[in-house]
Structure formats: C-alpha cells, structure tokens
Amino acid sequence: MNIKPIRSDDDLRAAFKRLERVFQAQEGTPAADEMEILVTLIEAYEHKHFPMGPADPVEAIKFRMEQQGLTPKDLALFNYQIFPAPGV
C-alpha cells in the first residue's frame, strides 16, 4: 500500500484509478483498508475543492419534475389530491 495525500486533480484521478482496483476488496484485508483510506482522502479533497452547499428546495423539486417528465400542471393535480378543496 502506497498512499499519498491528494494535492491536485491529477492526484485525485490517480486515487480514483487505484480505488477502482480495490473497491470490491474483502473486508478485513489490506486492500479493504486501502479502499477505506482512499475514500476518506478523496472525500476530503472533494469537500475542500468542490464544496456543495445545501440544495435549493424549489430547484430540487424542479429538477425531479424534469427527470420524471412532469409539468407544473401535474404538480397542481398532485397537490389537489393531497389537499382537496374545502367541501369536496
């Protein structure tokens, strides 16, 4: 096992390449230990260099609607089914 800090995008690519080789390692083996360390290093690098804030709830709903081919009209129908008009 030859693990180094990830300091650049090239280091990140090399870490991912190595991770692909040890990803299915059997638990308790040196390869599994290496996999856990690589995952930790990759996550730390990505959090530092590619920060992601919380998703905007409205944008998340729009994105999901787009994925499912839904329109605002479909959402209105869904809303009506959950919260029917008074007296209905």
N, C-alpha and C. Protein backbone atom coordinates (compact mmCIF):
# COMPACT_ATOMS: atom_id res chain seq x y z
N MET A 1 0.86 -1.17 0.00
CA MET A 1 0.00 0.00 0.00
C MET A 1 0.90 1.23 0.00
N ASN A 2 0.71 2.08 -1.01
CA ASN A 2 1.50 3.29 -1.13
C ASN A 2 0.53 4.46 -1.27
N ILE A 3 0.08 5.00 -0.15
CA ILE A 3 -0.92 6.06 -0.16
C ILE A 3 -0.25 7.39 0.15
N LYS A 4 -0.63 8.40 -0.68
CA LYS A 4 -0.09 9.75 -0.51
C LYS A 4 -1.26 10.72 -0.41
N PRO A 5 -1.02 11.90 0.14
CA PRO A 5 -2.08 12.91 0.17
C PRO A 5 -2.51 13.27 -1.26
N ILE A 6 -3.75 13.69 -1.39
CA ILE A 6 -4.26 14.15 -2.68
C ILE A 6 -4.14 15.67 -2.67
N ARG A 7 -3.27 16.18 -3.55
CA ARG A 7 -3.00 17.62 -3.58
C ARG A 7 -3.39 18.28 -4.90
N SER A 8 -3.76 17.48 -5.89
CA SER A 8 -4.09 18.05 -7.20
C SER A 8 -5.14 17.17 -7.88
N ASP A 9 -5.68 17.69 -8.98
CA ASP A 9 -6.65 16.90 -9.74
C ASP A 9 -6.00 15.65 -10.32
N ASP A 10 -4.71 15.73 -10.66
CA ASP A 10 -4.01 14.54 -11.15
C ASP A 10 -3.91 13.48 -10.04
N ASP A 11 -3.61 13.94 -8.83
CA ASP A 11 -3.58 13.01 -7.69
C ASP A 11 -4.96 12.40 -7.47
N LEU A 12 -6.01 13.21 -7.64
CA LEU A 12 -7.37 12.72 -7.47
C LEU A 12 -7.69 11.64 -8.49
N ARG A 13 -7.33 11.88 -9.76
CA ARG A 13 -7.56 10.86 -10.80
C ARG A 13 -6.81 9.57 -10.49
N ALA A 14 -5.59 9.70 -10.02
CA ALA A 14 -4.80 8.51 -9.68
C ALA A 14 -5.45 7.76 -8.50
N ALA A 15 -5.96 8.50 -7.54
CA ALA A 15 -6.62 7.86 -6.39
C ALA A 15 -7.88 7.12 -6.84
N PHE A 16 -8.66 7.73 -7.74
CA PHE A 16 -9.85 7.06 -8.25
C PHE A 16 -9.48 5.81 -9.04
N LYS A 17 -8.41 5.91 -9.80
CA LYS A 17 -7.97 4.74 -10.59
C LYS A 17 -7.59 3.59 -9.66
N ARG A 18 -6.87 3.91 -8.60
CA ARG A 18 -6.49 2.88 -7.63
C ARG A 18 -7.72 2.36 -6.89
N LEU A 19 -8.64 3.26 -6.56
CA LEU A 19 -9.86 2.85 -5.86
C LEU A 19 -10.66 1.85 -6.68
N GLU A 20 -10.70 2.05 -7.99
CA GLU A 20 -11.41 1.11 -8.85
C GLU A 20 -10.86 -0.31 -8.71
N ARG A 21 -9.54 -0.41 -8.49
CA ARG A 21 -8.91 -1.73 -8.38
C ARG A 21 -9.16 -2.42 -7.04
N VAL A 22 -9.37 -1.62 -5.99
CA VAL A 22 -9.53 -2.23 -4.67
C VAL A 22 -10.95 -2.10 -4.11
N PHE A 23 -11.86 -1.56 -4.90
CA PHE A 23 -13.20 -1.25 -4.41
C PHE A 23 -13.96 -2.48 -3.91
N GLN A 24 -13.79 -3.62 -4.54
CA GLN A 24 -14.52 -4.84 -4.16
C GLN A 24 -13.72 -5.72 -3.20
N ALA A 25 -12.74 -5.14 -2.54
CA ALA A 25 -11.88 -5.92 -1.63
C ALA A 25 -12.68 -6.52 -0.48
N GLN A 26 -12.27 -7.71 -0.10
CA GLN A 26 -12.93 -8.41 1.00
C GLN A 26 -12.58 -7.70 2.32
N GLU A 27 -13.60 -7.52 3.15
CA GLU A 27 -13.42 -6.83 4.42
C GLU A 27 -12.35 -7.52 5.27
N GLY A 28 -11.55 -6.70 5.94
CA GLY A 28 -10.51 -7.23 6.81
C GLY A 28 -9.18 -7.46 6.11
N THR A 29 -9.11 -7.19 4.82
CA THR A 29 -7.87 -7.38 4.08
C THR A 29 -7.13 -6.04 3.95
N PRO A 30 -5.84 -6.09 3.66
CA PRO A 30 -5.10 -4.84 3.44
C PRO A 30 -5.71 -4.01 2.29
N ALA A 31 -6.23 -4.67 1.27
CA ALA A 31 -6.85 -3.95 0.15
C ALA A 31 -8.10 -3.20 0.63
N ALA A 32 -8.87 -3.81 1.53
CA ALA A 32 -10.06 -3.14 2.06
C ALA A 32 -9.65 -1.94 2.91
N ASP A 33 -8.57 -2.08 3.67
CA ASP A 33 -8.06 -0.94 4.45
C ASP A 33 -7.65 0.19 3.51
N GLU A 34 -6.96 -0.17 2.43
CA GLU A 34 -6.54 0.82 1.44
C GLU A 34 -7.76 1.52 0.83
N MET A 35 -8.80 0.75 0.54
CA MET A 35 -10.01 1.32 -0.04
C MET A 35 -10.62 2.35 0.91
N GLU A 36 -10.72 2.03 2.20
CA GLU A 36 -11.30 2.96 3.17
C GLU A 36 -10.48 4.25 3.26
N ILE A 37 -9.16 4.11 3.26
CA ILE A 37 -8.29 5.29 3.33
C ILE A 37 -8.45 6.14 2.07
N LEU A 38 -8.48 5.50 0.91
CA LEU A 38 -8.65 6.26 -0.34
C LEU A 38 -9.98 7.00 -0.36
N VAL A 39 -11.04 6.36 0.07
CA VAL A 39 -12.36 7.01 0.09
C VAL A 39 -12.30 8.25 0.99
N THR A 40 -11.67 8.12 2.15
CA THR A 40 -11.56 9.25 3.08
C THR A 40 -10.76 10.39 2.46
N LEU A 41 -9.64 10.07 1.82
CA LEU A 41 -8.82 11.10 1.19
C LEU A 41 -9.56 11.78 0.03
N ILE A 42 -10.25 10.99 -0.78
CA ILE A 42 -11.00 11.54 -1.91
C ILE A 42 -12.10 12.46 -1.41
N GLU A 43 -12.85 12.02 -0.41
CA GLU A 43 -13.92 12.86 0.14
C GLU A 43 -13.37 14.17 0.69
N ALA A 44 -12.27 14.10 1.40
CA ALA A 44 -11.68 15.32 1.98
C ALA A 44 -11.26 16.29 0.88
N TYR A 45 -10.62 15.77 -0.17
CA TYR A 45 -10.20 16.62 -1.28
C TYR A 45 -11.41 17.25 -1.97
N GLU A 46 -12.43 16.45 -2.24
CA GLU A 46 -13.62 16.96 -2.93
C GLU A 46 -14.35 18.00 -2.09
N HIS A 47 -14.47 17.77 -0.79
CA HIS A 47 -15.15 18.75 0.07
C HIS A 47 -14.39 20.07 0.10
N LYS A 48 -13.08 20.00 0.05
CA LYS A 48 -12.26 21.21 0.09
C LYS A 48 -12.29 21.95 -1.24
N HIS A 49 -12.19 21.23 -2.36
CA HIS A 49 -12.03 21.86 -3.66
C HIS A 49 -13.32 21.98 -4.47
N PHE A 50 -14.33 21.23 -4.12
CA PHE A 50 -15.61 21.26 -4.84
C PHE A 50 -16.76 21.33 -3.84
N PRO A 51 -16.80 22.39 -3.02
CA PRO A 51 -17.84 22.45 -1.98
C PRO A 51 -19.24 22.54 -2.59
N MET A 52 -20.16 21.88 -1.95
CA MET A 52 -21.55 21.92 -2.39
C MET A 52 -22.40 22.34 -1.20
N GLY A 53 -23.09 23.43 -1.35
CA GLY A 53 -23.99 23.87 -0.30
C GLY A 53 -25.28 23.08 -0.37
N PRO A 54 -26.16 23.34 0.55
CA PRO A 54 -27.44 22.64 0.52
C PRO A 54 -28.23 23.01 -0.73
N ALA A 55 -28.99 22.08 -1.22
CA ALA A 55 -29.78 22.30 -2.42
C ALA A 55 -30.93 23.25 -2.12
N ASP A 56 -31.26 24.09 -3.10
CA ASP A 56 -32.43 24.94 -3.01
C ASP A 56 -33.66 24.04 -3.17
N PRO A 57 -34.58 24.03 -2.21
CA PRO A 57 -35.71 23.09 -2.28
C PRO A 57 -36.54 23.24 -3.55
N VAL A 58 -36.77 24.47 -3.99
CA VAL A 58 -37.57 24.68 -5.20
C VAL A 58 -36.84 24.11 -6.42
N GLU A 59 -35.53 24.37 -6.50
CA GLU A 59 -34.76 23.85 -7.62
C GLU A 59 -34.71 22.32 -7.59
N ALA A 60 -34.66 21.74 -6.40
CA ALA A 60 -34.66 20.28 -6.27
C ALA A 60 -35.97 19.71 -6.80
N ILE A 61 -37.09 20.36 -6.48
CA ILE A 61 -38.39 19.89 -6.97
C ILE A 61 -38.46 20.03 -8.49
N LYS A 62 -37.99 21.17 -9.02
CA LYS A 62 -38.00 21.37 -10.48
C LYS A 62 -37.14 20.31 -11.18
N PHE A 63 -35.98 20.02 -10.61
CA PHE A 63 -35.08 19.02 -11.19
C PHE A 63 -35.74 17.65 -11.23
N ARG A 64 -36.37 17.28 -10.11
CA ARG A 64 -37.04 15.97 -10.05
C ARG A 64 -38.21 15.90 -11.02
N MET A 65 -38.95 17.00 -11.13
CA MET A 65 -40.06 17.03 -12.09
C MET A 65 -39.55 16.84 -13.51
N GLU A 66 -38.45 17.51 -13.82
CA GLU A 66 -37.85 17.38 -15.16
C GLU A 66 -37.42 15.94 -15.42
N GLN A 67 -36.81 15.29 -14.41
CA GLN A 67 -36.39 13.91 -14.56
C GLN A 67 -37.57 12.99 -14.86
N GLN A 68 -38.72 13.29 -14.28
CA GLN A 68 -39.88 12.43 -14.43
C GLN A 68 -40.82 12.90 -15.53
N GLY A 69 -40.43 13.96 -16.24
CA GLY A 69 -41.26 14.46 -17.33
C GLY A 69 -42.56 15.08 -16.84
N LEU A 70 -42.55 15.67 -15.64
CA LEU A 70 -43.75 16.29 -15.09
C LEU A 70 -43.78 17.78 -15.39
N THR A 71 -44.98 18.34 -15.41
CA THR A 71 -45.17 19.77 -15.63
C THR A 71 -45.76 20.38 -14.36
N PRO A 72 -45.76 21.71 -14.27
CA PRO A 72 -46.41 22.34 -13.10
C PRO A 72 -47.88 21.92 -12.97
N LYS A 73 -48.53 21.67 -14.08
CA LYS A 73 -49.92 21.22 -14.04
C LYS A 73 -50.03 19.87 -13.31
N ASP A 74 -49.08 18.97 -13.56
CA ASP A 74 -49.07 17.68 -12.87
C ASP A 74 -48.91 17.87 -11.36
N LEU A 75 -48.08 18.82 -10.99
CA LEU A 75 -47.85 19.10 -9.57
C LEU A 75 -49.12 19.66 -8.93
N ALA A 76 -49.83 20.52 -9.66
CA ALA A 76 -51.08 21.07 -9.13
C ALA A 76 -52.09 19.96 -8.89
N LEU A 77 -52.17 19.01 -9.81
CA LEU A 77 -53.10 17.89 -9.65
C LEU A 77 -52.71 17.07 -8.41
N PHE A 78 -51.43 16.83 -8.23
CA PHE A 78 -50.94 16.09 -7.06
C PHE A 78 -51.30 16.84 -5.78
N ASN A 79 -51.09 18.15 -5.77
CA ASN A 79 -51.40 18.97 -4.61
C ASN A 79 -52.89 18.89 -4.28
N TYR A 80 -53.73 18.89 -5.29
CA TYR A 80 -55.17 18.82 -5.09
C TYR A 80 -55.57 17.48 -4.47
N GLN A 81 -54.87 16.42 -4.86
CA GLN A 81 -55.20 15.10 -4.31
C GLN A 81 -54.85 15.02 -2.83
N ILE A 82 -53.82 15.70 -2.41
CA ILE A 82 -53.40 15.68 -1.01
C ILE A 82 -54.23 16.68 -0.18
N PHE A 83 -54.46 17.85 -0.75
CA PHE A 83 -55.19 18.89 -0.04
C PHE A 83 -56.43 19.28 -0.87
N PRO A 84 -57.49 18.47 -0.84
CA PRO A 84 -58.67 18.79 -1.64
C PRO A 84 -59.32 20.10 -1.17
N ALA A 85 -60.00 20.72 -2.09
CA ALA A 85 -60.70 21.98 -1.77
C ALA A 85 -61.73 21.71 -0.69
N PRO A 86 -61.99 22.69 0.18
CA PRO A 86 -62.99 22.50 1.23
C PRO A 86 -64.36 22.15 0.64
N GLY A 87 -65.07 21.27 1.29
CA GLY A 87 -66.38 20.87 0.84
C GLY A 87 -66.37 19.83 -0.25
N VAL A 88 -65.18 19.31 -0.61
CA VAL A 88 -65.09 18.29 -1.67
C VAL A 88 -65.10 16.92 -1.07
